Amino acid sequence: MTRLRKTMIEELERRNYSQSTTRTYIHTVEDFALYFDRPPDQLGPEHIREYQAQLFTKRKLAPNTVTQRLAALRFFFIQTLHKPWSVAETPYPKKVFTLPEILSPEEVARLIEGALTLYHRVVLMRLYGTGVRRAELTHLQIPDIDSQRMVVHVRGGKGRKDRDVMLSPTLLEALREHFRSLRQRPVVWLFPGNRWHTGDEPIDTKVVWQACKAAARRAGIQKDVHPHTLRHCFATHLLEAGADLRTIQVLLGHRDLEETTIYLHLSQRHLNATASPLDSRNLSPTRPKNDPLRNV
């Protein structure tokens, strides 16, 4: 490990950054240095400008991804190298607001039924039944399942925050069935790694990703389905069932209610409850005499 890498990791740890953010920041600095084939401490503002441009033009990365890359470089230059950072010279790209892909309840059922194995089925049920992020799912431990209170404890979620989410009786029974099918009952991790699910470490997040992709193919779902899709479905379907936004915010672990309001754009119940202004206009039901479509 180089001195610079060690120093940057120490600075990230001092500020209690998550492991995921640490990995992303370190990878970005490595990629930055590799692009110019020079040590990162020998690069400056003109290199950052060129690097940022090619992230858009050559790699076609999304604006939000580029913003994350710039945040990593900003941390490296300010906190690791103790060099100045000019916001004017390195502007962040405008944020892009896009609505996530949502599955209907019927499509979710098809997805779960299309799971490749019982293990994958339980993983998909856990994602949809609790709305946890895939990293949070992989780090769930046996004691986190409280069958007496019917809640799941999510420890150290995004932002280092703990929260409780509901434990569905259907999910609890599926977990018990899954445990009965294993050669060895897990002791620590709810989803232990290795082929026989008996490892000392939890499964990798890639396993969760692959479970979603394989199930979507088997179910014939053409939409782009990934683990976070089921988190969006969890929130949207709760909203459509009558849950209030504040409750959904707490269940998702959102810091700001504004993050949760995106699901108002996705909920059919809320969209259909609002009439179009066109319906209140008193328009003639007949077409004008010179309508070119009258014979169509």
Protein backbone atom coordinates (compact mmCIF):
# COMPACT_ATOMS: atom_id res chain seq x y z
CA MET A 1 0.00 0.00 0.00
CA THR A 2 1.40 3.37 -1.01
CA ARG A 3 1.77 6.22 1.45
CA LEU A 4 -0.88 8.30 -0.34
CA ARG A 5 -3.40 5.47 -0.35
CA LYS A 6 -2.79 4.78 3.35
CA THR A 7 -3.20 8.47 4.20
CA MET A 8 -6.42 8.80 2.23
CA ILE A 9 -7.93 5.72 3.85
CA GLU A 10 -7.00 7.07 7.28
CA GLU A 11 -8.65 10.42 6.50
CA LEU A 12 -11.81 8.62 5.34
CA GLU A 13 -11.84 6.45 8.46
CA ARG A 14 -11.36 9.47 10.71
CA ARG A 15 -14.56 10.91 9.29
CA ASN A 16 -16.39 7.59 9.65
CA TYR A 17 -17.11 7.18 5.94
CA SER A 18 -18.78 3.91 5.02
CA GLN A 19 -16.81 1.05 3.48
CA SER A 20 -18.74 1.48 0.25
CA THR A 21 -17.84 5.18 -0.02
CA THR A 22 -14.23 4.43 0.88
CA ARG A 23 -13.96 1.84 -1.87
CA THR A 24 -15.53 4.22 -4.41
CA TYR A 25 -13.25 7.13 -3.49
CA ILE A 26 -10.09 5.03 -3.59
CA HIS A 27 -11.09 3.50 -6.93
CA THR A 28 -11.74 6.97 -8.39
CA VAL A 29 -8.30 8.28 -7.42
CA GLU A 30 -6.69 5.13 -8.85
CA ASP A 31 -8.62 5.59 -12.09
CA PHE A 32 -7.66 9.28 -12.22
CA ALA A 33 -3.95 8.44 -11.90
CA LEU A 34 -4.21 5.57 -14.39
CA TYR A 35 -5.85 7.81 -17.00
CA PHE A 36 -2.81 10.13 -17.03
CA ASP A 37 -0.31 7.40 -16.12
CA ARG A 38 1.11 9.57 -13.35
CA PRO A 39 0.96 9.58 -9.54
CA PRO A 40 -2.16 11.48 -8.43
CA ASP A 41 -0.21 13.96 -6.31
CA GLN A 42 1.51 15.16 -9.50
CA LEU A 43 -1.79 16.11 -11.14
CA GLY A 44 -3.62 19.41 -10.90
CA PRO A 45 -6.74 21.41 -11.91
CA GLU A 46 -6.09 21.11 -15.66
CA HIS A 47 -5.97 17.32 -15.33
CA ILE A 48 -9.19 17.27 -13.31
CA ARG A 49 -10.87 19.35 -16.02
CA GLU A 50 -9.79 16.93 -18.75
CA TYR A 51 -10.70 13.89 -16.67
CA GLN A 52 -14.18 15.26 -15.94
CA ALA A 53 -14.80 16.00 -19.63
CA GLN A 54 -13.87 12.50 -20.77
CA LEU A 55 -16.17 10.94 -18.16
CA PHE A 56 -19.00 12.49 -20.15
CA THR A 57 -17.68 12.34 -23.72
CA LYS A 58 -15.89 8.97 -23.77
CA ARG A 59 -17.33 6.93 -20.92
CA LYS A 60 -20.86 8.35 -21.20
CA LEU A 61 -21.34 8.35 -17.43
CA ALA A 62 -24.46 9.81 -15.86
CA PRO A 63 -24.19 13.30 -14.30
CA ASN A 64 -24.81 11.93 -10.79
CA THR A 65 -21.97 9.42 -11.24
CA VAL A 66 -19.62 12.18 -12.42
CA THR A 67 -20.57 14.23 -9.37
CA GLN A 68 -19.57 11.29 -7.15
CA ARG A 69 -16.22 11.02 -8.96
CA LEU A 70 -15.56 14.73 -8.44
CA ALA A 71 -16.46 14.44 -4.76
CA ALA A 72 -13.81 11.72 -4.43
CA LEU A 73 -11.15 13.87 -6.12
CA ARG A 74 -12.14 16.87 -4.04
CA PHE A 75 -11.69 14.83 -0.86
CA PHE A 76 -8.31 13.58 -2.08
CA PHE A 77 -6.94 17.03 -2.92
CA ILE A 78 -8.30 18.84 0.15
CA GLN A 79 -8.07 16.23 2.91
CA THR A 80 -5.16 14.07 1.73
CA LEU A 81 -2.91 16.49 -0.15
CA HIS A 82 -4.08 19.64 1.68
CA LYS A 83 -4.29 21.50 -1.61
CA PRO A 84 -6.89 24.12 -2.57
CA TRP A 85 -9.93 23.20 -4.63
CA SER A 86 -11.61 25.74 -6.89
CA VAL A 87 -15.38 25.30 -7.25
CA ALA A 88 -15.33 27.78 -10.14
CA GLU A 89 -12.78 25.71 -12.06
CA THR A 90 -14.42 22.38 -11.23
CA PRO A 91 -18.19 22.85 -11.34
CA TYR A 92 -20.43 19.94 -10.49
CA PRO A 93 -22.75 18.92 -13.35
CA LYS A 94 -26.45 19.62 -13.04
CA LYS A 95 -28.35 16.87 -11.27
CA VAL A 96 -30.66 14.78 -13.42
CA PHE A 97 -34.01 13.73 -12.00
CA THR A 98 -35.19 10.43 -13.44
CA LEU A 99 -38.06 8.27 -12.25
CA PRO A 100 -37.04 4.71 -11.33
CA GLU A 101 -38.48 1.65 -13.02
CA ILE A 102 -41.41 0.16 -11.12
CA LEU A 103 -42.91 -3.32 -11.33
CA SER A 104 -46.59 -3.95 -10.81
CA PRO A 105 -47.55 -6.25 -7.91
CA GLU A 106 -48.22 -8.97 -10.47
CA GLU A 107 -44.77 -8.53 -11.99
CA VAL A 108 -43.16 -8.71 -8.54
CA ALA A 109 -44.95 -12.01 -7.92
CA ARG A 110 -43.70 -13.33 -11.28
CA LEU A 111 -40.18 -12.19 -10.44
CA ILE A 112 -40.16 -14.02 -7.10
CA GLU A 113 -41.66 -17.14 -8.68
CA GLY A 114 -38.93 -16.97 -11.32
CA ALA A 115 -36.13 -17.24 -8.75
CA LEU A 116 -33.45 -19.71 -9.78
CA THR A 117 -33.15 -21.35 -6.34
CA LEU A 118 -34.90 -21.28 -2.96
CA TYR A 119 -31.97 -19.18 -1.73
CA HIS A 120 -32.55 -16.59 -4.48
CA ARG A 121 -36.28 -16.67 -3.77
CA VAL A 122 -35.76 -15.75 -0.12
CA VAL A 123 -33.31 -12.99 -1.11
CA LEU A 124 -35.89 -11.46 -3.47
CA MET A 125 -38.63 -11.77 -0.87
CA ARG A 126 -36.40 -10.07 1.67
CA LEU A 127 -35.67 -7.16 -0.71
CA TYR A 128 -39.34 -6.61 -1.55
CA GLY A 129 -40.75 -7.39 1.88
CA THR A 130 -38.54 -4.96 3.79
CA GLY A 131 -37.27 -2.41 1.26
CA VAL A 132 -33.67 -2.82 2.41
CA ARG A 133 -30.72 -1.90 0.21
CA ARG A 134 -28.70 -4.83 -1.12
CA ALA A 135 -25.69 -3.96 1.07
CA GLU A 136 -27.99 -3.83 4.10
CA LEU A 137 -29.44 -7.21 3.16
CA THR A 138 -26.06 -8.91 2.93
CA HIS A 139 -25.09 -7.66 6.40
CA LEU A 140 -28.23 -8.85 8.20
CA GLN A 141 -27.46 -11.20 11.09
CA ILE A 142 -29.55 -13.90 12.76
CA PRO A 143 -30.25 -11.77 15.90
CA ASP A 144 -31.63 -9.02 13.63
CA ILE A 145 -34.73 -11.14 13.02
CA ASP A 146 -37.06 -10.42 15.95
CA SER A 147 -39.94 -12.85 15.51
CA GLN A 148 -41.47 -11.81 18.85
CA ARG A 149 -42.00 -8.21 17.77
CA MET A 150 -42.15 -9.16 14.06
CA VAL A 151 -39.52 -6.61 13.06
CA VAL A 152 -36.14 -6.72 11.33
CA HIS A 153 -33.32 -4.63 12.77
CA VAL A 154 -31.26 -2.94 10.05
CA ARG A 155 -27.99 -1.95 11.66
CA GLY A 156 -25.54 0.56 10.23
CA GLY A 157 -27.54 1.41 7.13
CA LYS A 158 -26.74 4.28 4.80
CA GLY A 159 -25.46 7.20 6.85
CA ARG A 160 -24.57 4.81 9.70
CA LYS A 161 -28.19 4.80 10.83
CA ASP A 162 -30.08 1.91 12.44
CA ARG A 163 -33.78 1.36 11.83
CA ASP A 164 -36.51 -1.26 12.22
CA VAL A 165 -38.72 -2.53 9.40
CA MET A 166 -41.68 -4.87 9.46
CA LEU A 167 -41.20 -8.65 9.36
CA SER A 168 -43.85 -10.24 7.17
CA PRO A 169 -45.22 -13.59 8.42
CA THR A 170 -44.88 -14.83 4.83
CA LEU A 171 -41.21 -13.83 4.81
CA LEU A 172 -40.60 -15.37 8.24
CA GLU A 173 -42.02 -18.70 7.09
CA ALA A 174 -39.93 -18.57 3.89
CA LEU A 175 -36.80 -17.95 5.97
CA ARG A 176 -37.58 -20.92 8.22
CA GLU A 177 -38.17 -23.13 5.19
CA HIS A 178 -34.86 -21.95 3.75
CA PHE A 179 -33.00 -22.71 6.99
CA ARG A 180 -34.48 -26.20 7.09
CA SER A 181 -33.11 -26.86 3.60
CA LEU A 182 -29.53 -25.93 4.53
CA ARG A 183 -26.89 -28.50 5.49
CA GLN A 184 -25.89 -26.31 8.41
CA ARG A 185 -28.02 -23.66 10.09
CA PRO A 186 -26.34 -20.20 9.98
CA VAL A 187 -24.98 -18.94 13.28
CA VAL A 188 -24.07 -15.31 12.57
CA TRP A 189 -25.07 -14.15 9.10
CA LEU A 190 -28.59 -14.44 7.79
CA PHE A 191 -27.17 -15.00 4.30
CA PRO A 192 -23.70 -16.53 4.73
CA GLY A 193 -21.42 -16.90 1.74
CA ASN A 194 -19.79 -19.82 -0.11
CA ARG A 195 -21.46 -22.54 -2.17
CA TRP A 196 -23.17 -24.27 0.74
CA HIS A 197 -24.04 -21.02 2.59
CA THR A 198 -21.90 -21.88 5.58
CA GLY A 199 -19.16 -19.25 5.23
CA ASP A 200 -17.79 -16.98 7.94
CA GLU A 201 -18.53 -13.93 5.78
CA PRO A 202 -21.86 -12.79 4.28
CA ILE A 203 -22.72 -13.15 0.61
CA ASP A 204 -21.35 -10.58 -1.81
CA THR A 205 -23.73 -7.92 -3.12
CA LYS A 206 -23.10 -9.33 -6.61
CA VAL A 207 -25.04 -12.45 -5.60
CA VAL A 208 -28.08 -10.27 -4.86
CA TRP A 209 -27.69 -8.51 -8.21
CA GLN A 210 -27.43 -11.82 -10.07
CA ALA A 211 -30.49 -13.21 -8.26
CA CYS A 212 -32.59 -10.30 -9.59
CA LYS A 213 -31.27 -10.54 -13.13
CA ALA A 214 -31.73 -14.32 -13.37
CA ALA A 215 -35.26 -14.18 -11.97
CA ALA A 216 -36.25 -11.37 -14.37
CA ARG A 217 -35.04 -13.41 -17.35
CA ARG A 218 -36.90 -16.52 -16.21
CA ALA A 219 -40.06 -14.48 -15.57
CA GLY A 220 -39.88 -12.87 -19.01
CA ILE A 221 -39.83 -9.33 -17.55
CA GLN A 222 -38.43 -6.90 -20.10
CA LYS A 223 -37.88 -4.02 -17.65
CA ASP A 224 -34.41 -3.36 -16.25
CA VAL A 225 -34.70 -5.09 -12.87
CA HIS A 226 -32.03 -4.82 -10.18
CA PRO A 227 -32.08 -5.00 -6.35
CA HIS A 228 -32.96 -1.33 -5.91
CA THR A 229 -36.00 -1.84 -8.16
CA LEU A 230 -37.58 -3.94 -5.41
CA ARG A 231 -36.86 -1.19 -2.87
CA HIS A 232 -38.72 1.27 -5.11
CA CYS A 233 -41.57 -1.26 -5.50
CA PHE A 234 -41.76 -1.71 -1.73
CA ALA A 235 -42.24 2.04 -1.20
CA THR A 236 -44.59 2.61 -4.14
CA HIS A 237 -46.84 -0.33 -3.32
CA LEU A 238 -47.01 0.75 0.34
CA LEU A 239 -48.08 4.23 -0.77
CA GLU A 240 -50.71 2.77 -3.08
CA ALA A 241 -51.99 0.65 -0.18
CA GLY A 242 -52.57 3.77 1.93
CA ALA A 243 -49.35 4.16 3.95
CA ASP A 244 -48.35 7.78 4.60
CA LEU A 245 -45.10 9.30 3.32
CA ARG A 246 -43.64 9.84 6.81
CA THR A 247 -43.98 6.13 7.64
CA ILE A 248 -42.39 5.16 4.34
CA GLN A 249 -39.56 7.62 4.98
CA VAL A 250 -38.79 5.94 8.31
CA LEU A 251 -38.97 2.45 6.82
CA LEU A 252 -36.60 3.37 3.99
CA GLY A 253 -34.20 5.22 6.27
CA HIS A 254 -34.38 8.44 4.24
CA ARG A 255 -32.83 11.45 5.94
CA ASP A 256 -35.14 13.95 4.23
CA LEU A 257 -38.84 13.57 3.42
CA GLU A 258 -38.12 15.12 0.02
CA GLU A 259 -36.30 11.93 -0.96
CA THR A 260 -39.48 9.97 -0.29
CA THR A 261 -41.82 12.24 -2.26
CA ILE A 262 -40.51 10.72 -5.50
CA TYR A 263 -42.93 7.86 -4.90
CA LEU A 264 -45.86 10.26 -5.33
CA HIS A 265 -44.79 10.41 -8.98
CA LEU A 266 -44.95 6.62 -9.19
CA SER A 267 -48.08 5.77 -7.23
CA GLN A 268 -51.02 4.97 -9.52
CA ARG A 269 -53.46 5.66 -6.68
CA HIS A 270 -52.22 9.22 -6.32
CA LEU A 271 -51.89 9.83 -10.05
CA ASN A 272 -55.36 8.49 -10.83
CA ALA A 273 -56.92 10.42 -7.95
CA THR A 274 -56.01 13.68 -9.65
CA ALA A 275 -58.21 14.53 -12.63
CA SER A 276 -56.72 16.09 -15.71
CA PRO A 277 -57.84 19.73 -16.24
CA LEU A 278 -58.91 18.65 -19.74
CA ASP A 279 -61.80 16.70 -18.20
CA SER A 280 -63.30 19.88 -16.73
CA ARG A 281 -63.45 21.70 -20.07
CA ASN A 282 -66.81 21.76 -21.80
CA LEU A 283 -65.72 20.65 -25.25
CA SER A 284 -67.90 19.52 -28.11
CA PRO A 285 -67.84 15.74 -28.56
CA THR A 286 -67.99 16.10 -32.36
CA ARG A 287 -65.14 16.89 -34.73
CA PRO A 288 -65.12 20.06 -36.81
CA LYS A 289 -66.42 19.77 -40.38
CA ASN A 290 -62.98 20.31 -41.87
CA ASP A 291 -61.41 17.58 -39.73
CA PRO A 292 -58.91 15.71 -41.95
CA LEU A 293 -59.39 12.61 -39.80
CA ARG A 294 -63.16 12.36 -40.21
CA ASN A 295 -62.85 9.50 -42.72
CA VAL A 296 -60.15 7.63 -40.85
